[in-house]
All heavy atoms as atom14 arrays in JSON, in Angstrom:
{
  "sequence": "LTATDIQRLVDNGIKETKSLDYKMNLNLSKDAEKKEFLNDVSSFYN",
  "atom14_mask": [
    [1, 1, 1, 1, 1, 1, 1, 1, 0, 0, 0, 0, 0, 0],
    [1, 1, 1, 1, 1, 1, 1, 0, 0, 0, 0, 0, 0, 0],
    [1, 1, 1, 1, 1, 0, 0, 0, 0, 0, 0, 0, 0, 0],
    [1, 1, 1, 1, 1, 1, 1, 0, 0, 0, 0, 0, 0, 0],
    [1, 1, 1, 1, 1, 1, 1, 1, 0, 0, 0, 0, 0, 0],
    [1, 1, 1, 1, 1, 1, 1, 1, 0, 0, 0, 0, 0, 0],
    [1, 1, 1, 1, 1, 1, 1, 1, 1, 0, 0, 0, 0, 0],
    [1, 1, 1, 1, 1, 1, 1, 1, 1, 1, 1, 0, 0, 0],
    [1, 1, 1, 1, 1, 1, 1, 1, 0, 0, 0, 0, 0, 0],
    [1, 1, 1, 1, 1, 1, 1, 0, 0, 0, 0, 0, 0, 0],
    [1, 1, 1, 1, 1, 1, 1, 1, 0, 0, 0, 0, 0, 0],
    [1, 1, 1, 1, 1, 1, 1, 1, 0, 0, 0, 0, 0, 0],
    [1, 1, 1, 1, 0, 0, 0, 0, 0, 0, 0, 0, 0, 0],
    [1, 1, 1, 1, 1, 1, 1, 1, 0, 0, 0, 0, 0, 0],
    [1, 1, 1, 1, 1, 1, 1, 1, 1, 0, 0, 0, 0, 0],
    [1, 1, 1, 1, 1, 1, 1, 1, 1, 0, 0, 0, 0, 0],
    [1, 1, 1, 1, 1, 1, 1, 0, 0, 0, 0, 0, 0, 0],
    [1, 1, 1, 1, 1, 1, 1, 1, 1, 0, 0, 0, 0, 0],
    [1, 1, 1, 1, 1, 1, 0, 0, 0, 0, 0, 0, 0, 0],
    [1, 1, 1, 1, 1, 1, 1, 1, 0, 0, 0, 0, 0, 0],
    [1, 1, 1, 1, 1, 1, 1, 1, 0, 0, 0, 0, 0, 0],
    [1, 1, 1, 1, 1, 1, 1, 1, 1, 1, 1, 1, 0, 0],
    [1, 1, 1, 1, 1, 1, 1, 1, 1, 0, 0, 0, 0, 0],
    [1, 1, 1, 1, 1, 1, 1, 1, 0, 0, 0, 0, 0, 0],
    [1, 1, 1, 1, 1, 1, 1, 1, 0, 0, 0, 0, 0, 0],
    [1, 1, 1, 1, 1, 1, 1, 1, 0, 0, 0, 0, 0, 0],
    [1, 1, 1, 1, 1, 1, 1, 1, 0, 0, 0, 0, 0, 0],
    [1, 1, 1, 1, 1, 1, 1, 1, 0, 0, 0, 0, 0, 0],
    [1, 1, 1, 1, 1, 1, 0, 0, 0, 0, 0, 0, 0, 0],
    [1, 1, 1, 1, 1, 1, 1, 1, 1, 0, 0, 0, 0, 0],
    [1, 1, 1, 1, 1, 1, 1, 1, 0, 0, 0, 0, 0, 0],
    [1, 1, 1, 1, 1, 0, 0, 0, 0, 0, 0, 0, 0, 0],
    [1, 1, 1, 1, 1, 1, 1, 1, 1, 0, 0, 0, 0, 0],
    [1, 1, 1, 1, 1, 1, 1, 1, 1, 0, 0, 0, 0, 0],
    [1, 1, 1, 1, 1, 1, 1, 1, 1, 0, 0, 0, 0, 0],
    [1, 1, 1, 1, 1, 1, 1, 1, 1, 0, 0, 0, 0, 0],
    [1, 1, 1, 1, 1, 1, 1, 1, 1, 1, 1, 0, 0, 0],
    [1, 1, 1, 1, 1, 1, 1, 1, 0, 0, 0, 0, 0, 0],
    [1, 1, 1, 1, 1, 1, 1, 1, 0, 0, 0, 0, 0, 0],
    [1, 1, 1, 1, 1, 1, 1, 1, 0, 0, 0, 0, 0, 0],
    [1, 1, 1, 1, 1, 1, 1, 0, 0, 0, 0, 0, 0, 0],
    [1, 1, 1, 1, 1, 1, 0, 0, 0, 0, 0, 0, 0, 0],
    [1, 1, 1, 1, 1, 1, 0, 0, 0, 0, 0, 0, 0, 0],
    [1, 1, 1, 1, 1, 1, 1, 1, 1, 1, 1, 0, 0, 0],
    [1, 1, 1, 1, 1, 1, 1, 1, 1, 1, 1, 1, 0, 0],
    [1, 1, 1, 1, 1, 1, 1, 1, 0, 0, 0, 0, 0, 0]
  ],
  "atom14_positions": [
    [[39.68, -53.94, 24.64], [40.86, -53.52, 25.39], [41.02, -54.37, 26.64], [40.06, -54.7, 27.32], [40.75, -52.05, 25.77], [40.9, -51.04, 24.62], [40.45, -49.66, 25.06], [42.34, -51.0, 24.11], [0.0, 0.0, 0.0], [0.0, 0.0, 0.0], [0.0, 0.0, 0.0], [0.0, 0.0, 0.0], [0.0, 0.0, 0.0], [0.0, 0.0, 0.0]],
    [[42.26, -54.7, 26.97], [42.56, -55.52, 28.14], [43.34, -54.7, 29.16], [43.75, -53.56, 28.9], [43.39, -56.74, 27.73], [44.68, -56.29, 27.25], [42.7, -57.54, 26.64], [0.0, 0.0, 0.0], [0.0, 0.0, 0.0], [0.0, 0.0, 0.0], [0.0, 0.0, 0.0], [0.0, 0.0, 0.0], [0.0, 0.0, 0.0], [0.0, 0.0, 0.0]],
    [[43.58, -55.31, 30.32], [44.38, -54.65, 31.35], [45.77, -54.35, 30.85], [46.35, -53.3, 31.17], [44.44, -55.55, 32.59], [0.0, 0.0, 0.0], [0.0, 0.0, 0.0], [0.0, 0.0, 0.0], [0.0, 0.0, 0.0], [0.0, 0.0, 0.0], [0.0, 0.0, 0.0], [0.0, 0.0, 0.0], [0.0, 0.0, 0.0], [0.0, 0.0, 0.0]],
    [[46.32, -55.23, 30.04], [47.65, -55.01, 29.46], [47.66, -53.78, 28.56], [48.62, -52.98, 28.59], [48.1, -56.25, 28.66], [48.12, -57.39, 29.52], [49.48, -56.03, 28.06], [0.0, 0.0, 0.0], [0.0, 0.0, 0.0], [0.0, 0.0, 0.0], [0.0, 0.0, 0.0], [0.0, 0.0, 0.0], [0.0, 0.0, 0.0], [0.0, 0.0, 0.0]],
    [[46.6, -53.6, 27.78], [46.52, -52.44, 26.89], [46.46, -51.14, 27.68], [47.12, -50.15, 27.33], [45.29, -52.55, 25.99], [45.32, -53.78, 25.1], [46.41, -54.12, 24.6], [44.25, -54.41, 24.91], [0.0, 0.0, 0.0], [0.0, 0.0, 0.0], [0.0, 0.0, 0.0], [0.0, 0.0, 0.0], [0.0, 0.0, 0.0], [0.0, 0.0, 0.0]],
    [[45.67, -51.14, 28.75], [45.55, -49.94, 29.58], [46.89, -49.62, 30.24], [47.31, -48.45, 30.31], [44.45, -50.12, 30.65], [43.09, -50.39, 29.99], [44.39, -48.9, 31.54], [42.62, -49.28, 29.07], [0.0, 0.0, 0.0], [0.0, 0.0, 0.0], [0.0, 0.0, 0.0], [0.0, 0.0, 0.0], [0.0, 0.0, 0.0], [0.0, 0.0, 0.0]],
    [[47.58, -50.64, 30.7], [48.89, -50.43, 31.33], [49.89, -49.89, 30.32], [50.74, -49.05, 30.66], [49.39, -51.75, 31.92], [50.61, -51.59, 32.82], [50.34, -50.76, 34.06], [49.43, -51.06, 34.84], [51.1, -49.68, 34.24], [0.0, 0.0, 0.0], [0.0, 0.0, 0.0], [0.0, 0.0, 0.0], [0.0, 0.0, 0.0], [0.0, 0.0, 0.0]],
    [[49.8, -50.34, 29.09], [50.7, -49.84, 28.03], [50.54, -48.35, 27.82], [51.52, -47.65, 27.55], [50.42, -50.57, 26.72], [51.01, -51.97, 26.62], [50.54, -52.66, 25.36], [50.89, -51.9, 24.16], [50.33, -52.08, 22.97], [49.35, -52.97, 22.83], [50.72, -51.37, 21.93], [0.0, 0.0, 0.0], [0.0, 0.0, 0.0], [0.0, 0.0, 0.0]],
    [[49.3, -47.86, 27.91], [49.07, -46.42, 27.74], [49.87, -45.62, 28.75], [50.46, -44.58, 28.42], [47.57, -46.12, 27.89], [46.62, -46.65, 26.82], [45.17, -46.41, 27.23], [46.9, -46.0, 25.47], [0.0, 0.0, 0.0], [0.0, 0.0, 0.0], [0.0, 0.0, 0.0], [0.0, 0.0, 0.0], [0.0, 0.0, 0.0], [0.0, 0.0, 0.0]],
    [[49.89, -46.11, 30.0], [50.61, -45.4, 31.06], [52.11, -45.6, 30.92], [52.9, -44.64, 30.99], [50.12, -45.88, 32.44], [50.92, -45.21, 33.56], [48.63, -45.6, 32.6], [0.0, 0.0, 0.0], [0.0, 0.0, 0.0], [0.0, 0.0, 0.0], [0.0, 0.0, 0.0], [0.0, 0.0, 0.0], [0.0, 0.0, 0.0], [0.0, 0.0, 0.0]],
    [[52.53, -46.84, 30.72], [53.96, -47.16, 30.64], [54.64, -46.43, 29.49], [55.8, -46.0, 29.6], [54.17, -48.66, 30.48], [53.74, -49.44, 31.72], [53.58, -48.81, 32.8], [53.54, -50.66, 31.62], [0.0, 0.0, 0.0], [0.0, 0.0, 0.0], [0.0, 0.0, 0.0], [0.0, 0.0, 0.0], [0.0, 0.0, 0.0], [0.0, 0.0, 0.0]],
    [[53.92, -46.28, 28.38], [54.5, -45.63, 27.2], [54.19, -44.14, 27.12], [54.57, -43.47, 26.16], [54.0, -46.31, 25.92], [54.47, -47.75, 25.82], [55.53, -48.1, 26.3], [53.66, -48.59, 25.2], [0.0, 0.0, 0.0], [0.0, 0.0, 0.0], [0.0, 0.0, 0.0], [0.0, 0.0, 0.0], [0.0, 0.0, 0.0], [0.0, 0.0, 0.0]],
    [[53.48, -43.63, 28.12], [53.19, -42.2, 28.15], [52.39, -41.72, 26.96], [52.65, -40.63, 26.43], [0.0, 0.0, 0.0], [0.0, 0.0, 0.0], [0.0, 0.0, 0.0], [0.0, 0.0, 0.0], [0.0, 0.0, 0.0], [0.0, 0.0, 0.0], [0.0, 0.0, 0.0], [0.0, 0.0, 0.0], [0.0, 0.0, 0.0], [0.0, 0.0, 0.0]],
    [[51.4, -42.51, 26.54], [50.57, -42.13, 25.4], [49.69, -40.94, 25.77], [48.81, -41.05, 26.62], [49.68, -43.3, 24.94], [50.54, -44.54, 24.63], [48.86, -42.89, 23.72], [51.54, -44.35, 23.53], [0.0, 0.0, 0.0], [0.0, 0.0, 0.0], [0.0, 0.0, 0.0], [0.0, 0.0, 0.0], [0.0, 0.0, 0.0], [0.0, 0.0, 0.0]],
    [[49.94, -39.8, 25.15], [49.23, -38.58, 25.51], [47.84, -38.53, 24.89], [47.53, -39.24, 23.93], [50.04, -37.35, 25.05], [51.42, -37.23, 25.69], [52.06, -35.89, 25.43], [51.34, -34.77, 26.14], [52.06, -33.48, 26.05], [0.0, 0.0, 0.0], [0.0, 0.0, 0.0], [0.0, 0.0, 0.0], [0.0, 0.0, 0.0], [0.0, 0.0, 0.0]],
    [[47.02, -37.67, 25.46], [45.69, -37.45, 24.93], [45.77, -36.9, 23.5], [46.7, -36.18, 23.15], [44.93, -36.45, 25.8], [44.58, -36.97, 27.18], [43.86, -35.93, 28.02], [44.01, -34.72, 27.73], [43.16, -36.32, 28.96], [0.0, 0.0, 0.0], [0.0, 0.0, 0.0], [0.0, 0.0, 0.0], [0.0, 0.0, 0.0], [0.0, 0.0, 0.0]],
    [[44.78, -37.28, 22.72], [44.68, -36.82, 21.34], [43.24, -36.39, 21.08], [42.41, -36.36, 21.99], [45.07, -37.93, 20.35], [44.09, -38.99, 20.44], [46.45, -38.49, 20.65], [0.0, 0.0, 0.0], [0.0, 0.0, 0.0], [0.0, 0.0, 0.0], [0.0, 0.0, 0.0], [0.0, 0.0, 0.0], [0.0, 0.0, 0.0], [0.0, 0.0, 0.0]],
    [[42.98, -36.11, 19.83], [41.62, -35.75, 19.43], [40.64, -36.89, 19.67], [39.44, -36.68, 19.83], [41.62, -35.34, 17.95], [40.35, -34.72, 17.46], [40.55, -34.0, 16.13], [41.08, -34.91, 15.06], [41.12, -34.23, 13.73], [0.0, 0.0, 0.0], [0.0, 0.0, 0.0], [0.0, 0.0, 0.0], [0.0, 0.0, 0.0], [0.0, 0.0, 0.0]],
    [[41.16, -38.11, 19.71], [40.29, -39.29, 19.87], [40.54, -40.05, 21.17], [40.08, -41.18, 21.31], [40.48, -40.24, 18.67], [41.82, -40.67, 18.58], [0.0, 0.0, 0.0], [0.0, 0.0, 0.0], [0.0, 0.0, 0.0], [0.0, 0.0, 0.0], [0.0, 0.0, 0.0], [0.0, 0.0, 0.0], [0.0, 0.0, 0.0], [0.0, 0.0, 0.0]],
    [[41.26, -39.44, 22.11], [41.55, -40.1, 23.38], [41.6, -39.07, 24.5], [42.27, -38.04, 24.38], [42.89, -40.85, 23.3], [43.4, -41.5, 24.59], [42.45, -42.6, 25.05], [44.81, -42.06, 24.39], [0.0, 0.0, 0.0], [0.0, 0.0, 0.0], [0.0, 0.0, 0.0], [0.0, 0.0, 0.0], [0.0, 0.0, 0.0], [0.0, 0.0, 0.0]],
    [[40.9, -39.37, 25.59], [40.86, -38.43, 26.73], [40.87, -39.23, 28.03], [40.13, -40.22, 28.17], [39.6, -37.57, 26.67], [39.67, -36.35, 27.56], [40.72, -36.16, 28.21], [38.69, -35.59, 27.62], [0.0, 0.0, 0.0], [0.0, 0.0, 0.0], [0.0, 0.0, 0.0], [0.0, 0.0, 0.0], [0.0, 0.0, 0.0], [0.0, 0.0, 0.0]],
    [[41.73, -38.82, 28.97], [41.82, -39.48, 30.27], [41.04, -38.68, 31.32], [41.07, -37.45, 31.34], [43.27, -39.58, 30.73], [44.18, -40.35, 29.8], [45.25, -39.73, 29.18], [43.97, -41.7, 29.55], [46.11, -40.42, 28.33], [44.81, -42.42, 28.71], [45.88, -41.76, 28.1], [46.71, -42.45, 27.25], [0.0, 0.0, 0.0], [0.0, 0.0, 0.0]],
    [[40.37, -39.39, 32.2], [39.67, -38.79, 33.33], [40.01, -39.57, 34.58], [39.97, -40.8, 34.58], [38.15, -38.82, 33.12], [37.67, -38.13, 31.85], [37.8, -36.63, 31.92], [37.21, -35.98, 30.69], [37.37, -34.49, 30.71], [0.0, 0.0, 0.0], [0.0, 0.0, 0.0], [0.0, 0.0, 0.0], [0.0, 0.0, 0.0], [0.0, 0.0, 0.0]],
    [[40.35, -38.87, 35.66], [40.68, -39.56, 36.89], [39.42, -40.06, 37.6], [39.41, -41.15, 38.17], [41.46, -38.64, 37.84], [41.95, -39.35, 39.1], [43.16, -38.38, 40.04], [42.13, -37.05, 40.66], [0.0, 0.0, 0.0], [0.0, 0.0, 0.0], [0.0, 0.0, 0.0], [0.0, 0.0, 0.0], [0.0, 0.0, 0.0], [0.0, 0.0, 0.0]],
    [[38.34, -39.27, 37.51], [37.1, -39.63, 38.21], [35.92, -39.62, 37.26], [35.96, -39.01, 36.18], [36.83, -38.63, 39.34], [37.95, -38.56, 40.35], [38.35, -39.59, 40.9], [38.47, -37.37, 40.61], [0.0, 0.0, 0.0], [0.0, 0.0, 0.0], [0.0, 0.0, 0.0], [0.0, 0.0, 0.0], [0.0, 0.0, 0.0], [0.0, 0.0, 0.0]],
    [[34.85, -40.27, 37.68], [33.57, -40.2, 36.98], [32.51, -39.82, 38.0], [32.14, -40.62, 38.87], [33.22, -41.56, 36.35], [31.82, -41.65, 35.72], [31.68, -40.64, 34.58], [31.53, -43.06, 35.23], [0.0, 0.0, 0.0], [0.0, 0.0, 0.0], [0.0, 0.0, 0.0], [0.0, 0.0, 0.0], [0.0, 0.0, 0.0], [0.0, 0.0, 0.0]],
    [[32.05, -38.58, 37.9], [31.04, -38.08, 38.81], [29.83, -37.61, 38.02], [29.96, -36.74, 37.14], [31.59, -36.91, 39.65], [32.76, -37.34, 40.52], [32.67, -38.34, 41.24], [33.86, -36.61, 40.46], [0.0, 0.0, 0.0], [0.0, 0.0, 0.0], [0.0, 0.0, 0.0], [0.0, 0.0, 0.0], [0.0, 0.0, 0.0], [0.0, 0.0, 0.0]],
    [[28.65, -38.16, 38.33], [27.45, -37.81, 37.58], [26.29, -37.47, 38.51], [25.13, -37.58, 38.14], [27.03, -38.99, 36.69], [28.02, -39.39, 35.59], [27.54, -40.65, 34.88], [28.22, -38.26, 34.59], [0.0, 0.0, 0.0], [0.0, 0.0, 0.0], [0.0, 0.0, 0.0], [0.0, 0.0, 0.0], [0.0, 0.0, 0.0], [0.0, 0.0, 0.0]],
    [[26.62, -37.02, 39.71], [25.56, -36.74, 40.69], [25.01, -35.32, 40.54], [23.82, -35.08, 40.77], [26.08, -36.95, 42.11], [27.21, -36.15, 42.36], [0.0, 0.0, 0.0], [0.0, 0.0, 0.0], [0.0, 0.0, 0.0], [0.0, 0.0, 0.0], [0.0, 0.0, 0.0], [0.0, 0.0, 0.0], [0.0, 0.0, 0.0], [0.0, 0.0, 0.0]],
    [[25.86, -34.36, 40.17], [25.44, -32.96, 40.06], [25.18, -32.58, 38.61], [25.75, -33.16, 37.69], [26.51, -32.04, 40.66], [26.81, -32.3, 42.13], [27.91, -31.39, 42.63], [28.23, -31.66, 44.1], [29.35, -30.81, 44.6], [0.0, 0.0, 0.0], [0.0, 0.0, 0.0], [0.0, 0.0, 0.0], [0.0, 0.0, 0.0], [0.0, 0.0, 0.0]],
    [[24.31, -31.58, 38.42], [23.98, -31.14, 37.06], [25.22, -30.66, 36.3], [25.36, -30.94, 35.1], [22.94, -30.02, 37.11], [21.54, -30.54, 37.39], [21.38, -31.77, 37.49], [20.61, -29.72, 37.51], [0.0, 0.0, 0.0], [0.0, 0.0, 0.0], [0.0, 0.0, 0.0], [0.0, 0.0, 0.0], [0.0, 0.0, 0.0], [0.0, 0.0, 0.0]],
    [[26.1, -29.93, 36.97], [27.3, -29.42, 36.31], [28.18, -30.57, 35.83], [28.79, -30.49, 34.74], [28.08, -28.52, 37.25], [0.0, 0.0, 0.0], [0.0, 0.0, 0.0], [0.0, 0.0, 0.0], [0.0, 0.0, 0.0], [0.0, 0.0, 0.0], [0.0, 0.0, 0.0], [0.0, 0.0, 0.0], [0.0, 0.0, 0.0], [0.0, 0.0, 0.0]],
    [[28.24, -31.65, 36.61], [29.05, -32.82, 36.24], [28.42, -33.55, 35.05], [29.13, -34.0, 34.14], [29.18, -33.75, 37.43], [29.96, -33.15, 38.59], [29.82, -33.93, 39.88], [28.87, -34.75, 40.0], [30.64, -33.72, 40.8], [0.0, 0.0, 0.0], [0.0, 0.0, 0.0], [0.0, 0.0, 0.0], [0.0, 0.0, 0.0], [0.0, 0.0, 0.0]],
    [[27.1, -33.65, 35.05], [26.41, -34.29, 33.93], [26.62, -33.49, 32.65], [26.85, -34.07, 31.58], [24.92, -34.41, 34.24], [24.6, -35.36, 35.37], [23.11, -35.38, 35.67], [22.78, -36.31, 36.82], [21.32, -36.29, 37.15], [0.0, 0.0, 0.0], [0.0, 0.0, 0.0], [0.0, 0.0, 0.0], [0.0, 0.0, 0.0], [0.0, 0.0, 0.0]],
    [[26.52, -32.18, 32.75], [26.68, -31.34, 31.57], [28.09, -31.45, 31.01], [28.27, -31.58, 29.79], [26.37, -29.88, 31.92], [26.43, -28.94, 30.72], [26.17, -27.49, 31.12], [24.77, -27.29, 31.61], [24.46, -25.85, 31.85], [0.0, 0.0, 0.0], [0.0, 0.0, 0.0], [0.0, 0.0, 0.0], [0.0, 0.0, 0.0], [0.0, 0.0, 0.0]],
    [[29.09, -31.45, 31.87], [30.48, -31.58, 31.42], [30.7, -32.93, 30.74], [31.37, -33.03, 29.71], [31.42, -31.42, 32.61], [32.9, -31.42, 32.25], [33.33, -30.16, 31.52], [32.53, -29.19, 31.48], [34.45, -30.14, 30.98], [0.0, 0.0, 0.0], [0.0, 0.0, 0.0], [0.0, 0.0, 0.0], [0.0, 0.0, 0.0], [0.0, 0.0, 0.0]],
    [[30.12, -33.97, 31.32], [30.23, -35.31, 30.75], [29.59, -35.35, 29.35], [30.18, -35.88, 28.39], [29.54, -36.31, 31.68], [29.43, -37.7, 31.14], [30.51, -38.56, 31.17], [28.24, -38.16, 30.59], [30.42, -39.86, 30.67], [28.12, -39.44, 30.1], [29.21, -40.3, 30.13], [0.0, 0.0, 0.0], [0.0, 0.0, 0.0], [0.0, 0.0, 0.0]],
    [[28.41, -34.8, 29.21], [27.72, -34.78, 27.92], [28.48, -33.95, 26.89], [28.52, -34.3, 25.69], [26.31, -34.24, 28.1], [25.34, -35.15, 28.86], [24.11, -34.38, 29.31], [24.95, -36.34, 28.01], [0.0, 0.0, 0.0], [0.0, 0.0, 0.0], [0.0, 0.0, 0.0], [0.0, 0.0, 0.0], [0.0, 0.0, 0.0], [0.0, 0.0, 0.0]],
    [[29.08, -32.86, 27.33], [29.88, -32.04, 26.42], [31.05, -32.85, 25.87], [31.39, -32.76, 24.67], [30.4, -30.8, 27.14], [29.3, -29.83, 27.52], [28.17, -29.93, 27.04], [29.61, -28.89, 28.39], [0.0, 0.0, 0.0], [0.0, 0.0, 0.0], [0.0, 0.0, 0.0], [0.0, 0.0, 0.0], [0.0, 0.0, 0.0], [0.0, 0.0, 0.0]],
    [[31.68, -33.64, 26.73], [32.8, -34.48, 26.3], [32.33, -35.51, 25.27], [32.96, -35.7, 24.23], [33.42, -35.2, 27.5], [34.3, -34.3, 28.35], [34.94, -33.4, 27.78], [34.33, -34.49, 29.57], [0.0, 0.0, 0.0], [0.0, 0.0, 0.0], [0.0, 0.0, 0.0], [0.0, 0.0, 0.0], [0.0, 0.0, 0.0], [0.0, 0.0, 0.0]],
    [[31.24, -36.19, 25.58], [30.74, -37.24, 24.7], [30.37, -36.68, 23.33], [30.75, -37.22, 22.28], [29.52, -37.95, 25.33], [28.87, -38.9, 24.32], [29.94, -38.72, 26.58], [0.0, 0.0, 0.0], [0.0, 0.0, 0.0], [0.0, 0.0, 0.0], [0.0, 0.0, 0.0], [0.0, 0.0, 0.0], [0.0, 0.0, 0.0], [0.0, 0.0, 0.0]],
    [[29.63, -35.59, 23.31], [29.19, -35.01, 22.04], [30.37, -34.48, 21.23], [30.34, -34.51, 20.0], [28.17, -33.89, 22.28], [28.77, -32.77, 22.91], [0.0, 0.0, 0.0], [0.0, 0.0, 0.0], [0.0, 0.0, 0.0], [0.0, 0.0, 0.0], [0.0, 0.0, 0.0], [0.0, 0.0, 0.0], [0.0, 0.0, 0.0], [0.0, 0.0, 0.0]],
    [[31.41, -34.0, 21.91], [32.58, -33.49, 21.19], [33.28, -34.59, 20.41], [33.76, -34.38, 19.29], [33.56, -32.82, 22.16], [34.22, -33.78, 22.98], [0.0, 0.0, 0.0], [0.0, 0.0, 0.0], [0.0, 0.0, 0.0], [0.0, 0.0, 0.0], [0.0, 0.0, 0.0], [0.0, 0.0, 0.0], [0.0, 0.0, 0.0], [0.0, 0.0, 0.0]],
    [[33.34, -35.8, 20.99], [33.91, -36.94, 20.27], [33.02, -37.3, 19.08], [33.51, -37.51, 17.97], [34.03, -38.16, 21.2], [35.25, -38.17, 22.05], [35.2, -37.74, 23.37], [36.47, -38.61, 21.55], [36.33, -37.75, 24.16], [37.6, -38.63, 22.33], [37.54, -38.19, 23.65], [0.0, 0.0, 0.0], [0.0, 0.0, 0.0], [0.0, 0.0, 0.0]],
    [[31.72, -37.39, 19.33], [30.77, -37.78, 18.3], [30.82, -36.82, 17.11], [30.74, -37.24, 15.95], [29.36, -37.81, 18.89], [28.28, -38.26, 17.95], [28.02, -39.62, 17.76], [27.49, -37.34, 17.26], [27.02, -40.05, 16.91], [26.49, -37.76, 16.41], [26.26, -39.11, 16.23], [25.26, -39.52, 15.38], [0.0, 0.0, 0.0], [0.0, 0.0, 0.0]],
    [[30.97, -35.53, 17.38], [30.96, -34.52, 16.32], [32.31, -34.35, 15.64], [32.42, -33.54, 14.71], [30.51, -33.17, 16.9], [29.04, -33.17, 17.28], [28.24, -33.91, 16.73], [28.69, -32.33, 18.24], [0.0, 0.0, 0.0], [0.0, 0.0, 0.0], [0.0, 0.0, 0.0], [0.0, 0.0, 0.0], [0.0, 0.0, 0.0], [0.0, 0.0, 0.0]]
  ]
}
């Protein structure tokens, strides 16, 4: 993926799907944040 591809997602209003999820921030300092991150990753994998 390139910068142009990422910009296309926004310009075309491509919504989240079963295989795509947007996050504004990435925080992994607290246990609750790590758990939420892992839940997201495993949900895609499964």
